[in-house]
Amino acid sequence: MKLVDVHCHLNHLLFKDDLDSVLERARQAGVRRILISGVNPVANKEVLAFVQKDPGLLKASLGIYPIDALGMAADETGLPVHKGPIDLAAEFAFFEKNKERIMAIK
């Protein structure tokens, strides 16, 4: 199976110490392209630098996140907010249960 990750933030601090292993696991899982998303001018520059590390696998998606463009806090967007940790197993089960109605998962 050939997979494409169409939205991620590999420049997030959580990946700082193990980015190479993250990319290797993605390759082993069948991921052929990873689209790294920039959200503001600083992140956009970081994304372009990341893409240079492996231009065959990594591609850039640059932009301005509405929160940054408008100077808003995350809780001012008007979108639903989830507080506390997310139960990933339960959420993945929800995705599986509704897979016929889902076009993409980001």
N, C-alpha and C. Protein backbone atom coordinates (compact mmCIF):
# COMPACT_ATOMS: atom_id res chain seq x y z
N MET A 1 0.84 -1.16 0.00
CA MET A 1 0.00 0.00 0.00
C MET A 1 0.90 1.24 0.00
N LYS A 2 0.56 2.20 -0.83
CA LYS A 2 1.27 3.47 -0.86
C LYS A 2 0.43 4.52 -0.15
N LEU A 3 1.02 5.15 0.85
CA LEU A 3 0.30 6.13 1.66
C LEU A 3 0.92 7.51 1.52
N VAL A 4 0.08 8.53 1.70
CA VAL A 4 0.53 9.92 1.71
C VAL A 4 -0.04 10.58 2.96
N ASP A 5 0.82 11.16 3.77
CA ASP A 5 0.38 11.95 4.92
C ASP A 5 0.19 13.37 4.40
N VAL A 6 -1.05 13.85 4.36
CA VAL A 6 -1.34 15.13 3.72
C VAL A 6 -1.31 16.31 4.68
N HIS A 7 -1.03 16.07 5.97
CA HIS A 7 -0.98 17.19 6.91
C HIS A 7 -0.28 16.76 8.19
N CYS A 8 0.89 17.30 8.41
CA CYS A 8 1.58 17.03 9.67
C CYS A 8 2.48 18.20 10.01
N HIS A 9 3.02 18.17 11.20
CA HIS A 9 3.90 19.24 11.69
C HIS A 9 5.17 18.60 12.25
N LEU A 10 6.00 18.06 11.36
CA LEU A 10 7.24 17.42 11.80
C LEU A 10 8.22 18.40 12.43
N ASN A 11 7.98 19.68 12.28
CA ASN A 11 8.83 20.69 12.91
C ASN A 11 8.40 20.96 14.36
N HIS A 12 7.39 20.26 14.83
CA HIS A 12 6.95 20.40 16.23
C HIS A 12 8.07 19.90 17.16
N LEU A 13 8.19 20.54 18.30
CA LEU A 13 9.25 20.17 19.26
C LEU A 13 9.19 18.71 19.69
N LEU A 14 8.01 18.10 19.66
CA LEU A 14 7.89 16.69 20.07
C LEU A 14 8.71 15.75 19.18
N PHE A 15 9.02 16.18 17.95
CA PHE A 15 9.78 15.33 17.03
C PHE A 15 11.26 15.66 17.02
N LYS A 16 11.67 16.65 17.79
CA LYS A 16 13.05 17.16 17.74
C LYS A 16 14.09 16.06 17.94
N ASP A 17 13.89 15.17 18.88
CA ASP A 17 14.91 14.18 19.22
C ASP A 17 14.82 12.87 18.46
N ASP A 18 13.71 12.62 17.77
CA ASP A 18 13.59 11.32 17.09
C ASP A 18 13.02 11.41 15.68
N LEU A 19 13.25 12.54 15.01
CA LEU A 19 12.70 12.73 13.67
C LEU A 19 13.14 11.63 12.72
N ASP A 20 14.41 11.25 12.76
CA ASP A 20 14.89 10.21 11.84
C ASP A 20 14.14 8.89 12.04
N SER A 21 13.89 8.52 13.28
CA SER A 21 13.16 7.26 13.53
C SER A 21 11.69 7.40 13.12
N VAL A 22 11.10 8.58 13.28
CA VAL A 22 9.73 8.82 12.84
C VAL A 22 9.64 8.62 11.32
N LEU A 23 10.59 9.20 10.60
CA LEU A 23 10.59 9.07 9.13
C LEU A 23 10.82 7.62 8.71
N GLU A 24 11.69 6.93 9.41
CA GLU A 24 11.95 5.53 9.06
C GLU A 24 10.72 4.67 9.31
N ARG A 25 10.04 4.90 10.42
CA ARG A 25 8.81 4.14 10.69
C ARG A 25 7.74 4.44 9.65
N ALA A 26 7.67 5.68 9.21
CA ALA A 26 6.70 6.04 8.17
C ALA A 26 7.01 5.28 6.88
N ARG A 27 8.29 5.26 6.50
CA ARG A 27 8.67 4.52 5.28
C ARG A 27 8.31 3.04 5.40
N GLN A 28 8.62 2.45 6.55
CA GLN A 28 8.33 1.03 6.76
C GLN A 28 6.83 0.75 6.72
N ALA A 29 6.02 1.73 7.09
CA ALA A 29 4.56 1.57 7.07
C ALA A 29 3.97 1.80 5.68
N GLY A 30 4.81 2.20 4.72
CA GLY A 30 4.32 2.41 3.36
C GLY A 30 4.07 3.85 2.98
N VAL A 31 4.46 4.79 3.83
CA VAL A 31 4.27 6.20 3.51
C VAL A 31 5.29 6.60 2.44
N ARG A 32 4.78 7.18 1.34
CA ARG A 32 5.64 7.56 0.21
C ARG A 32 5.87 9.06 0.14
N ARG A 33 4.96 9.85 0.71
CA ARG A 33 5.09 11.30 0.74
C ARG A 33 4.53 11.81 2.06
N ILE A 34 5.17 12.83 2.59
CA ILE A 34 4.70 13.48 3.81
C ILE A 34 4.65 14.97 3.53
N LEU A 35 3.47 15.54 3.65
CA LEU A 35 3.27 16.96 3.44
C LEU A 35 3.34 17.67 4.79
N ILE A 36 4.41 18.43 5.00
CA ILE A 36 4.61 19.15 6.25
C ILE A 36 3.96 20.52 6.12
N SER A 37 3.12 20.87 7.08
CA SER A 37 2.34 22.10 7.00
C SER A 37 2.94 23.20 7.86
N GLY A 38 3.23 24.34 7.23
CA GLY A 38 3.63 25.54 7.94
C GLY A 38 2.39 26.33 8.31
N VAL A 39 2.45 27.07 9.41
CA VAL A 39 1.26 27.78 9.88
C VAL A 39 1.48 29.28 10.07
N ASN A 40 2.73 29.71 9.95
CA ASN A 40 3.06 31.13 10.12
C ASN A 40 4.43 31.36 9.49
N PRO A 41 4.91 32.60 9.39
CA PRO A 41 6.19 32.84 8.72
C PRO A 41 7.37 32.05 9.29
N VAL A 42 7.46 31.94 10.60
CA VAL A 42 8.56 31.18 11.21
C VAL A 42 8.46 29.71 10.84
N ALA A 43 7.27 29.13 11.00
CA ALA A 43 7.06 27.72 10.70
C ALA A 43 7.27 27.43 9.21
N ASN A 44 6.85 28.34 8.34
CA ASN A 44 7.03 28.14 6.90
C ASN A 44 8.51 28.00 6.55
N LYS A 45 9.35 28.81 7.16
CA LYS A 45 10.80 28.70 6.91
C LYS A 45 11.34 27.37 7.43
N GLU A 46 10.88 26.96 8.61
CA GLU A 46 11.29 25.67 9.16
C GLU A 46 10.88 24.52 8.24
N VAL A 47 9.66 24.58 7.73
CA VAL A 47 9.16 23.52 6.84
C VAL A 47 10.05 23.39 5.61
N LEU A 48 10.39 24.51 4.99
CA LEU A 48 11.26 24.44 3.81
C LEU A 48 12.62 23.84 4.14
N ALA A 49 13.14 24.13 5.33
CA ALA A 49 14.41 23.54 5.75
C ALA A 49 14.26 22.03 5.95
N PHE A 50 13.15 21.59 6.53
CA PHE A 50 12.91 20.16 6.73
C PHE A 50 12.85 19.43 5.41
N VAL A 51 12.18 20.00 4.43
CA VAL A 51 12.00 19.35 3.13
C VAL A 51 13.36 19.07 2.49
N GLN A 52 14.33 19.93 2.73
CA GLN A 52 15.67 19.74 2.17
C GLN A 52 16.35 18.49 2.71
N LYS A 53 15.94 18.01 3.88
CA LYS A 53 16.54 16.81 4.48
C LYS A 53 16.23 15.55 3.68
N ASP A 54 15.05 15.51 3.05
CA ASP A 54 14.65 14.33 2.28
C ASP A 54 13.59 14.74 1.26
N PRO A 55 14.00 15.44 0.17
CA PRO A 55 13.01 15.97 -0.77
C PRO A 55 12.21 14.90 -1.52
N GLY A 56 12.65 13.68 -1.52
CA GLY A 56 11.87 12.62 -2.15
C GLY A 56 10.67 12.22 -1.32
N LEU A 57 10.83 12.27 0.00
CA LEU A 57 9.76 11.88 0.92
C LEU A 57 8.95 13.09 1.40
N LEU A 58 9.65 14.16 1.72
CA LEU A 58 9.02 15.32 2.35
C LEU A 58 8.66 16.39 1.34
N LYS A 59 7.47 16.96 1.49
CA LYS A 59 7.00 18.05 0.64
C LYS A 59 6.47 19.15 1.56
N ALA A 60 6.43 20.38 1.06
CA ALA A 60 6.03 21.53 1.87
C ALA A 60 4.62 22.00 1.56
N SER A 61 3.91 22.38 2.60
CA SER A 61 2.62 23.07 2.50
C SER A 61 2.75 24.30 3.38
N LEU A 62 2.81 25.47 2.76
CA LEU A 62 3.01 26.69 3.52
C LEU A 62 1.70 27.46 3.64
N GLY A 63 1.56 28.17 4.72
CA GLY A 63 0.34 28.95 4.90
C GLY A 63 0.38 29.79 6.15
N ILE A 64 -0.72 30.44 6.39
CA ILE A 64 -0.90 31.26 7.59
C ILE A 64 -2.15 30.74 8.29
N TYR A 65 -1.96 30.18 9.46
CA TYR A 65 -3.07 29.66 10.24
C TYR A 65 -3.95 30.83 10.68
N PRO A 66 -5.25 30.71 10.56
CA PRO A 66 -6.13 31.85 10.90
C PRO A 66 -5.89 32.42 12.29
N ILE A 67 -5.59 31.57 13.26
CA ILE A 67 -5.33 32.07 14.61
C ILE A 67 -4.16 33.04 14.58
N ASP A 68 -3.08 32.68 13.86
CA ASP A 68 -1.92 33.56 13.77
C ASP A 68 -2.23 34.82 12.98
N ALA A 69 -2.94 34.68 11.88
CA ALA A 69 -3.25 35.84 11.03
C ALA A 69 -4.10 36.87 11.76
N LEU A 70 -5.00 36.40 12.60
CA LEU A 70 -5.91 37.30 13.30
C LEU A 70 -5.45 37.65 14.71
N GLY A 71 -4.33 37.06 15.15
CA GLY A 71 -3.84 37.33 16.49
C GLY A 71 -4.74 36.78 17.58
N MET A 72 -5.37 35.64 17.29
CA MET A 72 -6.33 35.05 18.24
C MET A 72 -5.67 33.97 19.09
N ALA A 73 -6.25 33.69 20.23
CA ALA A 73 -5.86 32.55 21.04
C ALA A 73 -6.61 31.33 20.54
N ALA A 74 -6.08 30.16 20.82
CA ALA A 74 -6.67 28.91 20.32
C ALA A 74 -8.14 28.76 20.72
N ASP A 75 -8.53 29.27 21.87
CA ASP A 75 -9.92 29.11 22.32
C ASP A 75 -10.85 30.20 21.78
N GLU A 76 -10.35 31.06 20.91
CA GLU A 76 -11.18 32.13 20.35
C GLU A 76 -11.63 31.84 18.92
N THR A 77 -11.42 30.64 18.43
CA THR A 77 -11.69 30.35 17.02
C THR A 77 -13.15 30.12 16.72
N GLY A 78 -13.95 29.78 17.72
CA GLY A 78 -15.34 29.43 17.48
C GLY A 78 -15.52 27.96 17.14
N LEU A 79 -14.43 27.21 17.07
CA LEU A 79 -14.50 25.78 16.79
C LEU A 79 -14.57 25.01 18.11
N PRO A 80 -15.11 23.79 18.06
CA PRO A 80 -15.15 22.99 19.29
C PRO A 80 -13.74 22.78 19.85
N VAL A 81 -13.64 22.79 21.16
CA VAL A 81 -12.36 22.59 21.84
C VAL A 81 -12.46 21.34 22.69
N HIS A 82 -11.44 20.50 22.63
CA HIS A 82 -11.38 19.32 23.48
C HIS A 82 -10.37 19.59 24.58
N LYS A 83 -10.79 19.47 25.81
CA LYS A 83 -9.88 19.70 26.93
C LYS A 83 -9.44 18.37 27.50
N GLY A 84 -8.19 18.30 27.86
CA GLY A 84 -7.63 17.08 28.44
C GLY A 84 -7.12 16.14 27.36
N PRO A 85 -6.54 15.02 27.78
CA PRO A 85 -5.97 14.06 26.83
C PRO A 85 -7.05 13.40 25.99
N ILE A 86 -6.68 13.04 24.77
CA ILE A 86 -7.60 12.34 23.86
C ILE A 86 -7.33 10.85 23.95
N ASP A 87 -8.36 10.07 24.09
CA ASP A 87 -8.25 8.61 24.08
C ASP A 87 -8.10 8.17 22.63
N LEU A 88 -6.85 7.97 22.20
CA LEU A 88 -6.59 7.66 20.79
C LEU A 88 -7.24 6.36 20.35
N ALA A 89 -7.22 5.35 21.19
CA ALA A 89 -7.83 4.08 20.82
C ALA A 89 -9.33 4.26 20.56
N ALA A 90 -10.00 5.01 21.40
CA ALA A 90 -11.42 5.25 21.21
C ALA A 90 -11.67 6.07 19.95
N GLU A 91 -10.81 7.06 19.70
CA GLU A 91 -10.99 7.89 18.51
C GLU A 91 -10.75 7.08 17.23
N PHE A 92 -9.72 6.24 17.24
CA PHE A 92 -9.46 5.39 16.06
C PHE A 92 -10.61 4.41 15.85
N ALA A 93 -11.18 3.89 16.93
CA ALA A 93 -12.35 3.01 16.81
C ALA A 93 -13.52 3.76 16.20
N PHE A 94 -13.70 5.03 16.58
CA PHE A 94 -14.74 5.88 16.00
C PHE A 94 -14.50 6.05 14.50
N PHE A 95 -13.24 6.30 14.11
CA PHE A 95 -12.91 6.41 12.69
C PHE A 95 -13.26 5.12 11.95
N GLU A 96 -12.87 4.00 12.53
CA GLU A 96 -13.13 2.71 11.89
C GLU A 96 -14.63 2.47 11.73
N LYS A 97 -15.38 2.78 12.76
CA LYS A 97 -16.83 2.58 12.73
C LYS A 97 -17.49 3.43 11.63
N ASN A 98 -16.92 4.59 11.35
CA ASN A 98 -17.51 5.53 10.40
C ASN A 98 -16.73 5.64 9.10
N LYS A 99 -15.88 4.66 8.79
CA LYS A 99 -14.97 4.78 7.65
C LYS A 99 -15.68 4.96 6.31
N GLU A 100 -16.88 4.47 6.18
CA GLU A 100 -17.61 4.63 4.91
C GLU A 100 -18.03 6.08 4.67
N ARG A 101 -18.07 6.86 5.72
CA ARG A 101 -18.49 8.27 5.60
C ARG A 101 -17.31 9.25 5.63
N ILE A 102 -16.07 8.73 5.75
CA ILE A 102 -14.89 9.57 5.91
C ILE A 102 -14.08 9.60 4.62
N MET A 103 -13.74 10.79 4.16
CA MET A 103 -12.90 10.95 2.98
C MET A 103 -11.43 11.02 3.35
N ALA A 104 -11.10 11.66 4.45
CA ALA A 104 -9.70 11.83 4.84
C ALA A 104 -9.60 11.94 6.36
N ILE A 105 -8.42 11.59 6.87
CA ILE A 105 -8.11 11.75 8.28
C ILE A 105 -6.84 12.59 8.35
N LYS A 106 -6.89 13.66 9.13
CA LYS A 106 -5.72 14.54 9.25
C LYS A 106 -5.18 14.51 10.64
